[in-house]
Amino acid sequence: MLDLISRLIRMCSEKETITSDIVNIEVNYISNTLELMRDAHRISNDAYLESGLIQGGLSVISSLLEQGITDLEIHSLLNTLLERTKALDKKYPDLNGIIESYRTI
């Protein structure tokens, strides 16, 4: 999830448009991937639940985007999520790599 949040921040910094659709695609990806990882015993229930906080934060951002939130506010919220994601990454250092390994390009 660290890669995901970093990508969204980079998009925001480069003045690319972040839409609720873009964020919702990522929310769905995280949700589905976390379920698969938990079912396959690749992550613990604790990691699953704590990752859900990041997913929930992205859902809030998606809703706010639909309401017309400013780019500055998006950037601020994403930076807050980035700090939370960094803390999660310290606690579960393999989590980001495992999540990204499920991504198809």
PDB file of N, CA and C in Angstrom:
ATOM      1  N   MET A   1       0.815  -1.191   0.000  1.00  0.00           N
ATOM      2  CA  MET A   1       0.000   0.000   0.000  1.00  0.00           C
ATOM      3  C   MET A   1       0.859   1.255   0.000  1.00  0.00           C
ATOM      4  N   LEU A   2       2.080   1.105   0.451  1.00  0.00           N
ATOM      5  CA  LEU A   2       3.000   2.231   0.439  1.00  0.00           C
ATOM      6  C   LEU A   2       3.220   2.712  -0.992  1.00  0.00           C
ATOM      7  N   ASP A   3       3.380   1.764  -1.916  1.00  0.00           N
ATOM      8  CA  ASP A   3       3.555   2.133  -3.326  1.00  0.00           C
ATOM      9  C   ASP A   3       2.316   2.849  -3.861  1.00  0.00           C
ATOM     10  N   LEU A   4       1.157   2.356  -3.509  1.00  0.00           N
ATOM     11  CA  LEU A   4      -0.098   2.933  -3.981  1.00  0.00           C
ATOM     12  C   LEU A   4      -0.261   4.374  -3.504  1.00  0.00           C
ATOM     13  N   ILE A   5      -0.091   4.603  -2.216  1.00  0.00           N
ATOM     14  CA  ILE A   5      -0.256   5.951  -1.674  1.00  0.00           C
ATOM     15  C   ILE A   5       0.796   6.876  -2.272  1.00  0.00           C
ATOM     16  N   SER A   6       2.014   6.380  -2.415  1.00  0.00           N
ATOM     17  CA  SER A   6       3.082   7.190  -3.025  1.00  0.00           C
ATOM     18  C   SER A   6       2.735   7.560  -4.462  1.00  0.00           C
ATOM     19  N   ARG A   7       2.163   6.619  -5.212  1.00  0.00           N
ATOM     20  CA  ARG A   7       1.743   6.906  -6.600  1.00  0.00           C
ATOM     21  C   ARG A   7       0.683   7.994  -6.634  1.00  0.00           C
ATOM     22  N   LEU A   8      -0.301   7.899  -5.749  1.00  0.00           N
ATOM     23  CA  LEU A   8      -1.364   8.904  -5.723  1.00  0.00           C
ATOM     24  C   LEU A   8      -0.810  10.283  -5.349  1.00  0.00           C
ATOM     25  N   ILE A   9       0.118  10.320  -4.415  1.00  0.00           N
ATOM     26  CA  ILE A   9       0.740  11.596  -4.038  1.00  0.00           C
ATOM     27  C   ILE A   9       1.527  12.158  -5.211  1.00  0.00           C
ATOM     28  N   ARG A  10       2.257  11.298  -5.913  1.00  0.00           N
ATOM     29  CA  ARG A  10       3.022  11.736  -7.080  1.00  0.00           C
ATOM     30  C   ARG A  10       2.076  12.304  -8.140  1.00  0.00           C
ATOM     31  N   MET A  11       0.954  11.636  -8.365  1.00  0.00           N
ATOM     32  CA  MET A  11      -0.033  12.136  -9.329  1.00  0.00           C
ATOM     33  C   MET A  11      -0.516  13.521  -8.922  1.00  0.00           C
ATOM     34  N   CYS A  12      -0.821  13.665  -7.650  1.00  0.00           N
ATOM     35  CA  CYS A  12      -1.314  14.934  -7.125  1.00  0.00           C
ATOM     36  C   CYS A  12      -0.250  16.022  -7.286  1.00  0.00           C
ATOM     37  N   SER A  13       0.982  15.690  -6.977  1.00  0.00           N
ATOM     38  CA  SER A  13       2.086  16.651  -7.066  1.00  0.00           C
ATOM     39  C   SER A  13       2.348  17.079  -8.506  1.00  0.00           C
ATOM     40  N   GLU A  14       2.111  16.162  -9.432  1.00  0.00           N
ATOM     41  CA  GLU A  14       2.343  16.446 -10.845  1.00  0.00           C
ATOM     42  C   GLU A  14       1.099  17.020 -11.515  1.00  0.00           C
ATOM     43  N   LYS A  15       0.134  17.392 -10.694  1.00  0.00           N
ATOM     44  CA  LYS A  15      -1.108  18.029 -11.161  1.00  0.00           C
ATOM     45  C   LYS A  15      -1.938  17.140 -12.076  1.00  0.00           C
ATOM     46  N   GLU A  16      -1.770  15.815 -11.937  1.00  0.00           N
ATOM     47  CA  GLU A  16      -2.645  14.892 -12.649  1.00  0.00           C
ATOM     48  C   GLU A  16      -3.965  14.837 -11.896  1.00  0.00           C
ATOM     49  N   THR A  17      -5.035  14.614 -12.605  1.00  0.00           N
ATOM     50  CA  THR A  17      -6.346  14.565 -11.980  1.00  0.00           C
ATOM     51  C   THR A  17      -6.544  13.222 -11.281  1.00  0.00           C
ATOM     52  N   ILE A  18      -6.862  13.312 -10.003  1.00  0.00           N
ATOM     53  CA  ILE A  18      -7.219  12.114  -9.239  1.00  0.00           C
ATOM     54  C   ILE A  18      -8.730  12.151  -9.073  1.00  0.00           C
ATOM     55  N   THR A  19      -9.391  11.124  -9.583  1.00  0.00           N
ATOM     56  CA  THR A  19     -10.850  11.077  -9.513  1.00  0.00           C
ATOM     57  C   THR A  19     -11.292  10.018  -8.507  1.00  0.00           C
ATOM     58  N   SER A  20     -12.549  10.096  -8.145  1.00  0.00           N
ATOM     59  CA  SER A  20     -13.083   9.073  -7.236  1.00  0.00           C
ATOM     60  C   SER A  20     -13.029   7.703  -7.901  1.00  0.00           C
ATOM     61  N   ASP A  21     -13.170   7.645  -9.218  1.00  0.00           N
ATOM     62  CA  ASP A  21     -13.089   6.365  -9.930  1.00  0.00           C
ATOM     63  C   ASP A  21     -11.706   5.741  -9.793  1.00  0.00           C
ATOM     64  N   ILE A  22     -10.665   6.561  -9.930  1.00  0.00           N
ATOM     65  CA  ILE A  22      -9.294   6.063  -9.778  1.00  0.00           C
ATOM     66  C   ILE A  22      -9.093   5.514  -8.376  1.00  0.00           C
ATOM     67  N   VAL A  23      -9.536   6.267  -7.374  1.00  0.00           N
ATOM     68  CA  VAL A  23      -9.356   5.849  -5.987  1.00  0.00           C
ATOM     69  C   VAL A  23     -10.189   4.594  -5.697  1.00  0.00           C
ATOM     70  N   ASN A  24     -11.413   4.550  -6.227  1.00  0.00           N
ATOM     71  CA  ASN A  24     -12.266   3.375  -6.001  1.00  0.00           C
ATOM     72  C   ASN A  24     -11.681   2.100  -6.601  1.00  0.00           C
ATOM     73  N   ILE A  25     -11.026   2.219  -7.746  1.00  0.00           N
ATOM     74  CA  ILE A  25     -10.364   1.055  -8.347  1.00  0.00           C
ATOM     75  C   ILE A  25      -9.304   0.532  -7.385  1.00  0.00           C
ATOM     76  N   GLU A  26      -8.554   1.450  -6.781  1.00  0.00           N
ATOM     77  CA  GLU A  26      -7.514   1.039  -5.831  1.00  0.00           C
ATOM     78  C   GLU A  26      -8.120   0.471  -4.543  1.00  0.00           C
ATOM     79  N   VAL A  27      -9.210   1.059  -4.081  1.00  0.00           N
ATOM     80  CA  VAL A  27      -9.894   0.546  -2.880  1.00  0.00           C
ATOM     81  C   VAL A  27     -10.351  -0.886  -3.132  1.00  0.00           C
ATOM     82  N   ASN A  28     -10.945  -1.129  -4.288  1.00  0.00           N
ATOM     83  CA  ASN A  28     -11.406  -2.480  -4.633  1.00  0.00           C
ATOM     84  C   ASN A  28     -10.232  -3.446  -4.764  1.00  0.00           C
ATOM     85  N   TYR A  29      -9.146  -2.978  -5.367  1.00  0.00           N
ATOM     86  CA  TYR A  29      -7.955  -3.815  -5.494  1.00  0.00           C
ATOM     87  C   TYR A  29      -7.437  -4.208  -4.112  1.00  0.00           C
ATOM     88  N   ILE A  30      -7.319  -3.219  -3.219  1.00  0.00           N
ATOM     89  CA  ILE A  30      -6.830  -3.504  -1.866  1.00  0.00           C
ATOM     90  C   ILE A  30      -7.762  -4.481  -1.161  1.00  0.00           C
ATOM     91  N   SER A  31      -9.043  -4.227  -1.239  1.00  0.00           N
ATOM     92  CA  SER A  31     -10.020  -5.092  -0.577  1.00  0.00           C
ATOM     93  C   SER A  31      -9.910  -6.536  -1.059  1.00  0.00           C
ATOM     94  N   ASN A  32      -9.919  -6.711  -2.362  1.00  0.00           N
ATOM     95  CA  ASN A  32      -9.843  -8.063  -2.935  1.00  0.00           C
ATOM     96  C   ASN A  32      -8.518  -8.732  -2.619  1.00  0.00           C
ATOM     97  N   THR A  33      -7.440  -7.981  -2.728  1.00  0.00           N
ATOM     98  CA  THR A  33      -6.114  -8.541  -2.494  1.00  0.00           C
ATOM     99  C   THR A  33      -5.927  -8.929  -1.031  1.00  0.00           C
ATOM    100  N   LEU A  34      -6.373  -8.075  -0.121  1.00  0.00           N
ATOM    101  CA  LEU A  34      -6.253  -8.396   1.297  1.00  0.00           C
ATOM    102  C   LEU A  34      -7.025  -9.666   1.647  1.00  0.00           C
ATOM    103  N   GLU A  35      -8.203  -9.806   1.055  1.00  0.00           N
ATOM    104  CA  GLU A  35      -8.981 -11.024   1.295  1.00  0.00           C
ATOM    105  C   GLU A  35      -8.248 -12.260   0.793  1.00  0.00           C
ATOM    106  N   LEU A  36      -7.719 -12.171  -0.423  1.00  0.00           N
ATOM    107  CA  LEU A  36      -6.968 -13.302  -0.980  1.00  0.00           C
ATOM    108  C   LEU A  36      -5.753 -13.646  -0.119  1.00  0.00           C
ATOM    109  N   MET A  37      -5.048 -12.612   0.321  1.00  0.00           N
ATOM    110  CA  MET A  37      -3.849 -12.817   1.128  1.00  0.00           C
ATOM    111  C   MET A  37      -4.188 -13.438   2.477  1.00  0.00           C
ATOM    112  N   ARG A  38      -5.258 -12.976   3.083  1.00  0.00           N
ATOM    113  CA  ARG A  38      -5.665 -13.535   4.371  1.00  0.00           C
ATOM    114  C   ARG A  38      -6.105 -14.987   4.203  1.00  0.00           C
ATOM    115  N   ASP A  39      -6.912 -15.254   3.180  1.00  0.00           N
ATOM    116  CA  ASP A  39      -7.389 -16.619   2.940  1.00  0.00           C
ATOM    117  C   ASP A  39      -6.242 -17.585   2.632  1.00  0.00           C
ATOM    118  N   ALA A  40      -5.184 -17.063   1.989  1.00  0.00           N
ATOM    119  CA  ALA A  40      -4.024 -17.887   1.654  1.00  0.00           C
ATOM    120  C   ALA A  40      -3.006 -17.925   2.798  1.00  0.00           C
ATOM    121  N   HIS A  41      -3.337 -17.300   3.907  1.00  0.00           N
ATOM    122  CA  HIS A  41      -2.460 -17.241   5.084  1.00  0.00           C
ATOM    123  C   HIS A  41      -1.129 -16.567   4.789  1.00  0.00           C
ATOM    124  N   ARG A  42      -1.155 -15.605   3.857  1.00  0.00           N
ATOM    125  CA  ARG A  42       0.066 -14.836   3.554  1.00  0.00           C
ATOM    126  C   ARG A  42       0.198 -13.646   4.484  1.00  0.00           C
ATOM    127  N   ILE A  43      -0.921 -13.251   5.118  1.00  0.00           N
ATOM    128  CA  ILE A  43      -0.888 -12.187   6.122  1.00  0.00           C
ATOM    129  C   ILE A  43      -1.733 -12.623   7.312  1.00  0.00           C
ATOM    130  N   SER A  44      -1.455 -12.007   8.441  1.00  0.00           N
ATOM    131  CA  SER A  44      -2.204 -12.319   9.656  1.00  0.00           C
ATOM    132  C   SER A  44      -3.527 -11.558   9.670  1.00  0.00           C
ATOM    133  N   ASN A  45      -4.416 -11.960  10.551  1.00  0.00           N
ATOM    134  CA  ASN A  45      -5.660 -11.218  10.726  1.00  0.00           C
ATOM    135  C   ASN A  45      -5.384  -9.795  11.186  1.00  0.00           C
ATOM    136  N   ASP A  46      -4.369  -9.624  12.038  1.00  0.00           N
ATOM    137  CA  ASP A  46      -4.013  -8.282  12.507  1.00  0.00           C
ATOM    138  C   ASP A  46      -3.581  -7.394  11.347  1.00  0.00           C
ATOM    139  N   ALA A  47      -2.740  -7.917  10.474  1.00  0.00           N
ATOM    140  CA  ALA A  47      -2.298  -7.146   9.306  1.00  0.00           C
ATOM    141  C   ALA A  47      -3.486  -6.816   8.406  1.00  0.00           C
ATOM    142  N   TYR A  48      -4.369  -7.778   8.264  1.00  0.00           N
ATOM    143  CA  TYR A  48      -5.576  -7.568   7.451  1.00  0.00           C
ATOM    144  C   TYR A  48      -6.421  -6.433   8.020  1.00  0.00           C
ATOM    145  N   LEU A  49      -6.669  -6.472   9.319  1.00  0.00           N
ATOM    146  CA  LEU A  49      -7.506  -5.455   9.954  1.00  0.00           C
ATOM    147  C   LEU A  49      -6.847  -4.079   9.927  1.00  0.00           C
ATOM    148  N   GLU A  50      -5.552  -4.037  10.205  1.00  0.00           N
ATOM    149  CA  GLU A  50      -4.863  -2.750  10.203  1.00  0.00           C
ATOM    150  C   GLU A  50      -4.766  -2.160   8.808  1.00  0.00           C
ATOM    151  N   SER A  51      -4.645  -2.994   7.807  1.00  0.00           N
ATOM    152  CA  SER A  51      -4.627  -2.521   6.418  1.00  0.00           C
ATOM    153  C   SER A  51      -5.980  -1.946   6.025  1.00  0.00           C
ATOM    154  N   GLY A  52      -7.011  -2.462   6.636  1.00  0.00           N
ATOM    155  CA  GLY A  52      -8.354  -1.949   6.372  1.00  0.00           C
ATOM    156  C   GLY A  52      -8.498  -0.485   6.734  1.00  0.00           C
ATOM    157  N   LEU A  53      -7.681  -0.002   7.664  1.00  0.00           N
ATOM    158  CA  LEU A  53      -7.725   1.420   8.013  1.00  0.00           C
ATOM    159  C   LEU A  53      -7.264   2.287   6.843  1.00  0.00           C
ATOM    160  N   ILE A  54      -6.264   1.828   6.124  1.00  0.00           N
ATOM    161  CA  ILE A  54      -5.784   2.570   4.950  1.00  0.00           C
ATOM    162  C   ILE A  54      -6.847   2.512   3.857  1.00  0.00           C
ATOM    163  N   GLN A  55      -7.405   1.352   3.667  1.00  0.00           N
ATOM    164  CA  GLN A  55      -8.481   1.187   2.684  1.00  0.00           C
ATOM    165  C   GLN A  55      -9.640   2.124   3.017  1.00  0.00           C
ATOM    166  N   GLY A  56     -10.003   2.194   4.282  1.00  0.00           N
ATOM    167  CA  GLY A  56     -11.083   3.080   4.705  1.00  0.00           C
ATOM    168  C   GLY A  56     -10.751   4.539   4.466  1.00  0.00           C
ATOM    169  N   GLY A  57      -9.502   4.913   4.708  1.00  0.00           N
ATOM    170  CA  GLY A  57      -9.077   6.289   4.441  1.00  0.00           C
ATOM    171  C   GLY A  57      -9.196   6.638   2.970  1.00  0.00           C
ATOM    172  N   LEU A  58      -8.843   5.689   2.114  1.00  0.00           N
ATOM    173  CA  LEU A  58      -8.992   5.918   0.672  1.00  0.00           C
ATOM    174  C   LEU A  58     -10.460   6.026   0.281  1.00  0.00           C
ATOM    175  N   SER A  59     -11.311   5.261   0.924  1.00  0.00           N
ATOM    176  CA  SER A  59     -12.754   5.355   0.651  1.00  0.00           C
ATOM    177  C   SER A  59     -13.284   6.742   1.015  1.00  0.00           C
ATOM    178  N   VAL A  60     -12.804   7.275   2.126  1.00  0.00           N
ATOM    179  CA  VAL A  60     -13.205   8.628   2.532  1.00  0.00           C
ATOM    180  C   VAL A  60     -12.740   9.641   1.490  1.00  0.00           C
ATOM    181  N   ILE A  61     -11.498   9.500   1.036  1.00  0.00           N
ATOM    182  CA  ILE A  61     -10.985  10.419   0.012  1.00  0.00           C
ATOM    183  C   ILE A  61     -11.826  10.328  -1.256  1.00  0.00           C
ATOM    184  N   SER A  62     -12.209   9.118  -1.636  1.00  0.00           N
ATOM    185  CA  SER A  62     -13.054   8.941  -2.819  1.00  0.00           C
ATOM    186  C   SER A  62     -14.380   9.690  -2.665  1.00  0.00           C
ATOM    187  N   SER A  63     -14.988   9.561  -1.509  1.00  0.00           N
ATOM    188  CA  SER A  63     -16.258  10.262  -1.254  1.00  0.00           C
ATOM    189  C   SER A  63     -16.070  11.772  -1.300  1.00  0.00           C
ATOM    190  N   LEU A  64     -14.981  12.242  -0.720  1.00  0.00           N
ATOM    191  CA  LEU A  64     -14.720  13.682  -0.723  1.00  0.00           C
ATOM    192  C   LEU A  64     -14.439  14.200  -2.129  1.00  0.00           C
ATOM    193  N   LEU A  65     -13.795  13.375  -2.953  1.00  0.00           N
ATOM    194  CA  LEU A  65     -13.573  13.763  -4.349  1.00  0.00           C
ATOM    195  C   LEU A  65     -14.896  13.964  -5.069  1.00  0.00           C
ATOM    196  N   GLU A  66     -15.849  13.101  -4.787  1.00  0.00           N
ATOM    197  CA  GLU A  66     -17.168  13.235  -5.398  1.00  0.00           C
ATOM    198  C   GLU A  66     -17.864  14.529  -4.968  1.00  0.00           C
ATOM    199  N   GLN A  67     -17.479  15.019  -3.785  1.00  0.00           N
ATOM    200  CA  GLN A  67     -18.071  16.248  -3.264  1.00  0.00           C
ATOM    201  C   GLN A  67     -17.296  17.497  -3.690  1.00  0.00           C
ATOM    202  N   GLY A  68     -16.214  17.311  -4.450  1.00  0.00           N
ATOM    203  CA  GLY A  68     -15.488  18.460  -4.978  1.00  0.00           C
ATOM    204  C   GLY A  68     -14.374  18.985  -4.097  1.00  0.00           C
ATOM    205  N   ILE A  69     -13.757  18.141  -3.317  1.00  0.00           N
ATOM    206  CA  ILE A  69     -12.645  18.537  -2.454  1.00  0.00           C
ATOM    207  C   ILE A  69     -11.524  19.163  -3.296  1.00  0.00           C
ATOM    208  N   THR A  70     -10.799  20.094  -2.726  1.00  0.00           N
ATOM    209  CA  THR A  70      -9.718  20.756  -3.466  1.00  0.00           C
ATOM    210  C   THR A  70      -8.486  19.865  -3.550  1.00  0.00           C
ATOM    211  N   ASP A  71      -7.634  20.156  -4.529  1.00  0.00           N
ATOM    212  CA  ASP A  71      -6.392  19.399  -4.692  1.00  0.00           C
ATOM    213  C   ASP A  71      -5.509  19.512  -3.452  1.00  0.00           C
ATOM    214  N   LEU A  72      -5.507  20.676  -2.842  1.00  0.00           N
ATOM    215  CA  LEU A  72      -4.704  20.883  -1.633  1.00  0.00           C
ATOM    216  C   LEU A  72      -5.170  19.971  -0.503  1.00  0.00           C
ATOM    217  N   GLU A  73      -6.481  19.833  -0.357  1.00  0.00           N
ATOM    218  CA  GLU A  73      -7.030  18.950   0.673  1.00  0.00           C
ATOM    219  C   GLU A  73      -6.722  17.478   0.373  1.00  0.00           C
ATOM    220  N   ILE A  74      -6.805  17.119  -0.903  1.00  0.00           N
ATOM    221  CA  ILE A  74      -6.476  15.744  -1.305  1.00  0.00           C
ATOM    222  C   ILE A  74      -5.035  15.445  -0.919  1.00  0.00           C
ATOM    223  N   HIS A  75      -4.151  16.355  -1.271  1.00  0.00           N
ATOM    224  CA  HIS A  75      -2.730  16.167  -0.992  1.00  0.00           C
ATOM    225  C   HIS A  75      -2.494  16.011   0.508  1.00  0.00           C
ATOM    226  N   SER A  76      -3.155  16.820   1.297  1.00  0.00           N
ATOM    227  CA  SER A  76      -3.017  16.754   2.750  1.00  0.00           C
ATOM    228  C   SER A  76      -3.498  15.398   3.293  1.00  0.00           C
ATOM    229  N   LEU A  77      -4.654  14.957   2.833  1.00  0.00           N
ATOM    230  CA  LEU A  77      -5.196  13.668   3.283  1.00  0.00           C
ATOM    231  C   LEU A  77      -4.310  12.498   2.846  1.00  0.00           C
ATOM    232  N   LEU A  78      -3.790  12.575   1.636  1.00  0.00           N
ATOM    233  CA  LEU A  78      -2.905  11.515   1.151  1.00  0.00           C
ATOM    234  C   LEU A  78      -1.612  11.470   1.965  1.00  0.00           C
ATOM    235  N   ASN A  79      -1.101  12.638   2.337  1.00  0.00           N
ATOM    236  CA  ASN A  79       0.107  12.662   3.171  1.00  0.00           C
ATOM    237  C   ASN A  79      -0.158  12.062   4.543  1.00  0.00           C
ATOM    238  N   THR A  80      -1.330  12.305   5.096  1.00  0.00           N
ATOM    239  CA  THR A  80      -1.700  11.687   6.370  1.00  0.00           C
ATOM    240  C   THR A  80      -1.756  10.171   6.217  1.00  0.00           C
ATOM    241  N   LEU A  81      -2.377   9.706   5.133  1.00  0.00           N
ATOM    242  CA  LEU A  81      -2.428   8.255   4.874  1.00  0.00           C
ATOM    243  C   LEU A  81      -1.035   7.677   4.649  1.00  0.00           C
ATOM    244  N   LEU A  82      -0.165   8.460   4.020  1.00  0.00           N
ATOM    245  CA  LEU A  82       1.198   7.992   3.784  1.00  0.00           C
ATOM    246  C   LEU A  82       1.899   7.729   5.110  1.00  0.00           C
ATOM    247  N   GLU A  83       1.741   8.621   6.071  1.00  0.00           N
ATOM    248  CA  GLU A  83       2.373   8.424   7.379  1.00  0.00           C
ATOM    249  C   GLU A  83       1.820   7.177   8.071  1.00  0.00           C
ATOM    250  N   ARG A  84       0.528   6.974   7.977  1.00  0.00           N
ATOM    251  CA  ARG A  84      -0.073   5.772   8.565  1.00  0.00           C
ATOM    252  C   ARG A  84       0.408   4.510   7.851  1.00  0.00           C
ATOM    253  N   THR A  85       0.565   4.622   6.544  1.00  0.00           N
ATOM    254  CA  THR A  85       1.030   3.479   5.756  1.00  0.00           C
ATOM    255  C   THR A  85       2.485   3.159   6.079  1.00  0.00           C
ATOM    256  N   LYS A  86       3.286   4.190   6.299  1.00  0.00           N
ATOM    257  CA  LYS A  86       4.685   3.961   6.689  1.00  0.00           C
ATOM    258  C   LYS A  86       4.759   3.222   8.022  1.00  0.00           C
ATOM    259  N   ALA A  87       3.911   3.609   8.959  1.00  0.00           N
ATOM    260  CA  ALA A  87       3.883   2.925  10.260  1.00  0.00           C
ATOM    261  C   ALA A  87       3.471   1.468  10.085  1.00  0.00           C
ATOM    262  N   LEU A  88       2.489   1.230   9.228  1.00  0.00           N
ATOM    263  CA  LEU A  88       2.040  -0.127   8.939  1.00  0.00           C
ATOM    264  C   LEU A  88       3.165  -0.930   8.283  1.00  0.00           C
ATOM    265  N   ASP A  89       3.903  -0.274   7.394  1.00  0.00           N
ATOM    266  CA  ASP A  89       5.004  -0.923   6.696  1.00  0.00           C
ATOM    267  C   ASP A  89       6.124  -1.313   7.665  1.00  0.00           C
ATOM    268  N   LYS A  90       6.344  -0.497   8.676  1.00  0.00           N
ATOM    269  CA  LYS A  90       7.355  -0.843   9.685  1.00  0.00           C
ATOM    270  C   LYS A  90       6.918  -2.068  10.495  1.00  0.00           C
ATOM    271  N   LYS A  91       5.637  -2.119  10.786  1.00  0.00           N
ATOM    272  CA  LYS A  91       5.110  -3.229  11.573  1.00  0.00           C
ATOM    273  C   LYS A  91       5.040  -4.525  10.766  1.00  0.00           C
ATOM    274  N   TYR A  92       4.682  -4.389   9.483  1.00  0.00           N
ATOM    275  CA  TYR A  92       4.551  -5.542   8.581  1.00  0.00           C
ATOM    276  C   TYR A  92       5.380  -5.261   7.323  1.00  0.00           C
ATOM    277  N   PRO A  93       6.705  -5.420   7.396  1.00  0.00           N
ATOM    278  CA  PRO A  93       7.583  -4.998   6.298  1.00  0.00           C
ATOM    279  C   PRO A  93       7.361  -5.710   4.965  1.00  0.00           C
ATOM    280  N   ASP A  94       6.788  -6.878   4.968  1.00  0.00           N
ATOM    281  CA  ASP A  94       6.563  -7.600   3.710  1.00  0.00           C
ATOM    282  C   ASP A  94       5.222  -7.281   3.066  1.00  0.00           C
ATOM    283  N   LEU A  95       4.377  -6.572   3.774  1.00  0.00           N
ATOM    284  CA  LEU A  95       3.002  -6.348   3.331  1.00  0.00           C
ATOM    285  C   LEU A  95       2.918  -5.643   1.984  1.00  0.00           C
ATOM    286  N   ASN A  96       3.637  -4.545   1.815  1.00  0.00           N
ATOM    287  CA  ASN A  96       3.567  -3.795   0.570  1.00  0.00           C
ATOM    288  C   ASN A  96       3.961  -4.661  -0.624  1.00  0.00           C
ATOM    289  N   GLY A  97       5.059  -5.390  -0.490  1.00  0.00           N
ATOM    290  CA  GLY A  97       5.505  -6.245  -1.584  1.00  0.00           C
ATOM    291  C   GLY A  97       4.508  -7.337  -1.923  1.00  0.00           C
ATOM    292  N   ILE A  98       3.902  -7.888  -0.889  1.00  0.00           N
ATOM    293  CA  ILE A  98       2.911  -8.944  -1.125  1.00  0.00           C
ATOM    294  C   ILE A  98       1.692  -8.361  -1.844  1.00  0.00           C
ATOM    295  N   ILE A  99       1.228  -7.215  -1.397  1.00  0.00           N
ATOM    296  CA  ILE A  99       0.067  -6.586  -2.046  1.00  0.00           C
ATOM    297  C   ILE A  99       0.370  -6.277  -3.498  1.00  0.00           C
ATOM    298  N   GLU A 100       1.525  -5.674  -3.746  1.00  0.00           N
ATOM    299  CA  GLU A 100       1.878  -5.304  -5.117  1.00  0.00           C
ATOM    300  C   GLU A 100       2.112  -6.532  -5.997  1.00  0.00           C
ATOM    301  N   SER A 101       2.490  -7.661  -5.397  1.00  0.00           N
ATOM    302  CA  SER A 101       2.726  -8.873  -6.191  1.00  0.00           C
ATOM    303  C   SER A 101       1.431  -9.414  -6.801  1.00  0.00           C
ATOM    304  N   TYR A 102       0.291  -9.018  -6.264  1.00  0.00           N
ATOM    305  CA  TYR A 102      -0.994  -9.465  -6.802  1.00  0.00           C
ATOM    306  C   TYR A 102      -1.474  -8.582  -7.959  1.00  0.00           C
ATOM    307  N   ARG A 103      -0.796  -7.459  -8.155  1.00  0.00           N
ATOM    308  CA  ARG A 103      -1.211  -6.499  -9.182  1.00  0.00           C
ATOM    309  C   ARG A 103      -0.813  -7.019 -10.563  1.00  0.00           C
ATOM    310  N   THR A 104      -1.756  -6.952 -11.500  1.00  0.00           N
ATOM    311  CA  THR A 104      -1.465  -7.306 -12.888  1.00  0.00           C
ATOM    312  C   THR A 104      -1.395  -6.025 -13.694  1.00  0.00           C
ATOM    313  N   ILE A 105      -0.457  -5.981 -14.564  1.00  0.00           N
ATOM    314  CA  ILE A 105      -0.254  -4.743 -15.359  1.00  0.00           C
ATOM    315  C   ILE A 105      -0.814  -4.919 -16.735  1.00  0.00           C
TER     316      ILE A 105
END
